[in-house]
Amino acid sequence: MADGVAEERVEREERQRSVAVPLTGEPLPLELVNTTYIKGGVRGRHRDALAAGPEALDSWLAAERHRFAPGVADALAAAPPAGPEQYQEFLELRRALRALAGARTSGEGPDPEALAVVNAYARAAADWRELAPGPEFRAVVRRAVEDPLRLALGAISAAAVELFAGEGAERLRACPAPGCILYFVRTHARREWCTVGCGNRVRVARHSRRAREGDEAV
């Protein structure tokens, strides 16, 4: 039985690696938000990396698993495939995080419904140390929930609390490139765009505009 489960997990992860998942290298809450994006710039099309359903969520979690704390990462590695209810919970969290990211970067107050969603899932991140039963004094970690995907929801939500209200919150940015809907944390003073691709696209557009203006002036 154990061998069968292990083989099924390996097959699932191989399928997941074949799915193109946009990874931006941002904190986990923004990684989830950024699974919705525009491909192709201003004239591009809206894409959703999770649109295919629970299997797409499995793909994203497999790609991001190393970003979670070891206990959560281990639980995700052994987790069965995501179900429809878990999938909808991640979509709900993503909507809430996008709303809060938009409000935080535009100077608006947070939406109460989005706050309630993030706070509710953040409670799943709670853990504590207890003395384990037995003849020896040994501490064990207990968690508020055991479901691996709920643990992941909790970890992402807890990270979002720090992202939106922590010391580095002022570095959160919405990418200003036309046609881009991604968010990023400004890691250094000269960083303007979410990715090098967006920066290059803007610079090419500026160069083309200046060339046209120069031709018109002749």
Protein backbone atom coordinates (compact mmCIF):
# COMPACT_ATOMS: atom_id res chain seq x y z
CA MET A 1 0.00 0.00 0.00
CA ALA A 2 2.75 2.44 0.98
CA ASP A 3 4.66 1.68 -2.23
CA GLY A 4 1.54 2.34 -4.28
CA VAL A 5 0.96 5.70 -2.60
CA ALA A 6 4.61 6.67 -3.14
CA GLU A 7 4.46 5.71 -6.82
CA GLU A 8 1.24 7.68 -7.28
CA ARG A 9 2.84 10.74 -5.66
CA VAL A 10 5.91 10.50 -7.95
CA GLU A 11 3.68 10.24 -11.02
CA ARG A 12 1.64 13.22 -9.84
CA GLU A 13 4.74 15.35 -9.29
CA GLU A 14 6.06 14.42 -12.74
CA ARG A 15 2.79 15.65 -14.26
CA GLN A 16 2.99 18.80 -12.17
CA ARG A 17 6.50 19.61 -13.38
CA SER A 18 5.21 19.50 -16.96
CA VAL A 19 2.72 22.30 -16.22
CA ALA A 20 4.03 25.83 -16.76
CA VAL A 21 3.61 27.68 -13.47
CA PRO A 22 4.71 31.31 -13.25
CA LEU A 23 7.16 31.68 -10.37
CA THR A 24 8.18 35.25 -9.60
CA GLY A 25 10.42 34.67 -6.58
CA GLU A 26 8.22 36.86 -4.39
CA PRO A 27 6.87 36.07 -0.90
CA LEU A 28 4.35 33.22 -0.92
CA PRO A 29 1.25 35.46 -0.68
CA LEU A 30 2.34 37.34 -3.81
CA GLU A 31 3.28 34.10 -5.55
CA LEU A 32 -0.33 33.00 -5.11
CA VAL A 33 -1.69 36.38 -6.26
CA ASN A 34 0.61 36.30 -9.28
CA THR A 35 -0.85 33.04 -10.57
CA THR A 36 -3.21 35.38 -12.45
CA TYR A 37 -1.27 37.42 -14.98
CA ILE A 38 -1.29 38.99 -18.45
CA LYS A 39 0.73 37.18 -21.10
CA GLY A 40 1.80 39.37 -23.97
CA GLY A 41 1.79 42.86 -22.48
CA VAL A 42 -0.82 45.49 -23.28
CA ARG A 43 -2.37 43.41 -26.07
CA GLY A 44 -1.93 40.18 -24.18
CA ARG A 45 -4.44 37.80 -22.72
CA HIS A 46 -5.39 37.22 -19.11
CA ARG A 47 -4.09 33.89 -17.86
CA ASP A 48 -4.81 31.90 -14.73
CA ALA A 49 -2.26 29.25 -13.78
CA LEU A 50 -4.84 27.61 -11.50
CA ALA A 51 -7.71 27.61 -14.00
CA ALA A 52 -7.40 23.89 -14.74
CA GLY A 53 -8.67 22.98 -11.27
CA PRO A 54 -7.29 21.01 -8.32
CA GLU A 55 -4.50 19.41 -10.36
CA ALA A 56 -3.20 22.89 -11.24
CA LEU A 57 -3.21 23.73 -7.53
CA ASP A 58 -1.21 20.56 -6.86
CA SER A 59 1.27 21.71 -9.49
CA TRP A 60 1.67 25.12 -7.89
CA LEU A 61 2.07 23.68 -4.40
CA ALA A 62 4.67 21.18 -5.64
CA ALA A 63 6.64 23.99 -7.27
CA GLU A 64 6.47 26.15 -4.13
CA ARG A 65 6.78 23.42 -1.51
CA HIS A 66 10.39 24.24 -0.69
CA ARG A 67 9.28 27.75 0.35
CA PHE A 68 7.20 26.48 3.27
CA ALA A 69 8.50 25.65 6.74
CA PRO A 70 9.84 22.06 6.95
CA GLY A 71 6.83 20.67 8.82
CA VAL A 72 4.36 22.07 6.30
CA ALA A 73 6.57 21.11 3.34
CA ASP A 74 6.79 17.51 4.58
CA ALA A 75 3.02 17.37 5.06
CA LEU A 76 2.47 18.68 1.53
CA ALA A 77 4.88 16.11 0.10
CA ALA A 78 2.79 13.30 1.57
CA ALA A 79 -0.61 14.87 0.89
CA PRO A 80 -3.21 13.28 -1.39
CA PRO A 81 -4.38 15.29 -4.42
CA ALA A 82 -6.31 18.46 -3.70
CA GLY A 83 -10.08 18.21 -3.77
CA PRO A 84 -12.67 20.68 -5.09
CA GLU A 85 -13.32 22.24 -1.66
CA GLN A 86 -9.62 22.83 -1.01
CA TYR A 87 -9.23 24.27 -4.50
CA GLN A 88 -12.02 26.77 -3.87
CA GLU A 89 -10.42 27.78 -0.57
CA PHE A 90 -7.18 28.68 -2.35
CA LEU A 91 -9.10 30.69 -4.94
CA GLU A 92 -10.93 32.50 -2.15
CA LEU A 93 -7.63 33.32 -0.45
CA ARG A 94 -6.13 34.48 -3.73
CA ARG A 95 -9.02 36.91 -4.33
CA ALA A 96 -8.63 38.27 -0.81
CA LEU A 97 -4.88 38.69 -1.14
CA ARG A 98 -5.20 40.49 -4.49
CA ALA A 99 -7.75 42.87 -2.98
CA LEU A 100 -5.47 43.61 -0.02
CA ALA A 101 -2.39 44.01 -2.23
CA GLY A 102 -4.29 46.48 -4.40
CA ALA A 103 -5.43 48.46 -1.39
CA ARG A 104 -1.99 48.44 0.24
CA THR A 105 -0.19 49.68 -2.88
CA SER A 106 -2.78 52.37 -3.66
CA GLY A 107 -2.97 53.80 -0.16
CA GLU A 108 -6.54 52.65 0.45
CA GLY A 109 -7.92 50.95 3.53
CA PRO A 110 -8.27 47.15 3.54
CA ASP A 111 -11.52 45.56 2.45
CA PRO A 112 -13.23 44.04 5.54
CA GLU A 113 -14.29 40.88 3.71
CA ALA A 114 -10.78 40.29 2.41
CA LEU A 115 -9.40 40.83 5.91
CA ALA A 116 -11.85 38.30 7.32
CA VAL A 117 -10.77 35.66 4.80
CA VAL A 118 -7.05 36.09 5.46
CA ASN A 119 -7.53 36.21 9.22
CA ALA A 120 -9.69 33.09 9.22
CA TYR A 121 -7.11 31.08 7.29
CA ALA A 122 -4.21 32.54 9.29
CA ARG A 123 -5.55 30.79 12.38
CA ALA A 124 -4.71 27.49 10.72
CA ALA A 125 -1.02 28.44 11.02
CA ALA A 126 -1.15 28.26 14.81
CA ASP A 127 1.18 25.73 16.44
CA TRP A 128 2.63 25.19 19.86
CA ARG A 129 4.96 22.88 21.76
CA GLU A 130 3.70 20.27 24.19
CA LEU A 131 5.33 17.64 26.35
CA ALA A 132 4.87 14.30 24.64
CA PRO A 133 3.43 11.42 26.65
CA GLY A 134 5.91 8.73 27.63
CA PRO A 135 8.73 7.98 30.04
CA GLU A 136 11.00 10.77 28.77
CA PHE A 137 10.70 14.55 28.74
CA ARG A 138 10.29 15.26 25.03
CA ALA A 139 8.68 18.23 23.30
CA VAL A 140 6.50 17.84 20.22
CA VAL A 141 4.88 20.41 17.94
CA ARG A 142 1.10 20.40 17.76
CA ARG A 143 -0.88 22.25 15.11
CA ALA A 144 -4.35 23.75 15.03
CA VAL A 145 -5.19 21.70 11.91
CA GLU A 146 -3.74 18.54 10.37
CA ASP A 147 -4.90 18.82 6.75
CA PRO A 148 -1.72 19.63 4.75
CA LEU A 149 -3.49 22.04 2.39
CA ARG A 150 -5.12 23.89 5.27
CA LEU A 151 -1.65 24.16 6.81
CA ALA A 152 -0.45 25.70 3.54
CA LEU A 153 -3.39 28.12 3.53
CA GLY A 154 -2.50 29.08 7.07
CA ALA A 155 1.18 29.57 6.27
CA ILE A 156 0.39 31.78 3.26
CA SER A 157 -2.13 33.83 5.25
CA ALA A 158 0.22 34.28 8.19
CA ALA A 159 2.91 35.44 5.75
CA ALA A 160 0.38 37.87 4.27
CA VAL A 161 -0.18 39.46 7.68
CA GLU A 162 3.54 40.19 7.90
CA LEU A 163 3.69 41.28 4.27
CA PHE A 164 0.88 43.83 4.55
CA ALA A 165 1.49 45.03 8.11
CA GLY A 166 5.17 44.31 8.80
CA GLU A 167 8.23 46.53 8.62
CA GLY A 168 8.75 45.90 4.92
CA ALA A 169 5.18 46.64 3.85
CA GLU A 170 6.17 49.98 2.30
CA ARG A 171 8.28 48.10 -0.26
CA LEU A 172 5.25 46.32 -1.72
CA ARG A 173 4.61 47.48 -5.29
CA ALA A 174 2.17 46.93 -8.14
CA CYS A 175 4.17 46.59 -11.35
CA PRO A 176 3.74 49.87 -13.31
CA ALA A 177 4.42 48.26 -16.70
CA PRO A 178 1.43 48.63 -19.05
CA GLY A 179 -0.44 45.36 -19.34
CA CYS A 180 1.02 43.87 -16.14
CA ILE A 181 -1.06 42.96 -13.08
CA LEU A 182 1.69 41.42 -10.94
CA TYR A 183 2.86 42.55 -7.50
CA PHE A 184 6.37 42.47 -6.10
CA VAL A 185 8.47 43.54 -3.13
CA ARG A 186 11.02 46.19 -4.05
CA THR A 187 14.23 44.50 -2.97
CA HIS A 188 16.52 47.38 -3.87
CA ALA A 189 16.16 51.09 -4.65
CA ARG A 190 16.69 50.75 -8.40
CA ARG A 191 14.10 48.03 -8.91
CA GLU A 192 11.09 49.39 -10.81
CA TRP A 193 9.46 46.33 -12.38
CA CYS A 194 8.24 42.91 -11.29
CA THR A 195 10.57 41.16 -13.75
CA VAL A 196 13.36 41.96 -16.16
CA GLY A 197 10.91 41.14 -18.96
CA CYS A 198 8.58 43.97 -17.97
CA GLY A 199 11.50 46.41 -17.71
CA ASN A 200 12.79 45.43 -21.14
CA ARG A 201 9.33 45.75 -22.66
CA VAL A 202 8.91 49.26 -21.28
CA ARG A 203 12.38 50.33 -22.45
CA VAL A 204 11.72 48.98 -25.97
CA ALA A 205 8.40 50.84 -26.07
CA ARG A 206 10.11 54.07 -24.97
CA HIS A 207 12.81 53.66 -27.61
CA SER A 208 10.23 53.05 -30.34
CA ARG A 209 8.21 56.08 -29.25
CA ARG A 210 11.26 58.33 -29.28
CA ALA A 211 12.27 57.02 -32.71
CA ARG A 212 8.81 57.80 -34.07
CA GLU A 213 8.88 61.27 -32.53
CA GLY A 214 12.31 61.86 -34.07
CA ASP A 215 11.07 60.80 -37.52
CA GLU A 216 8.07 63.12 -37.22
CA ALA A 217 10.32 66.05 -36.27
CA VAL A 218 12.45 65.65 -39.40
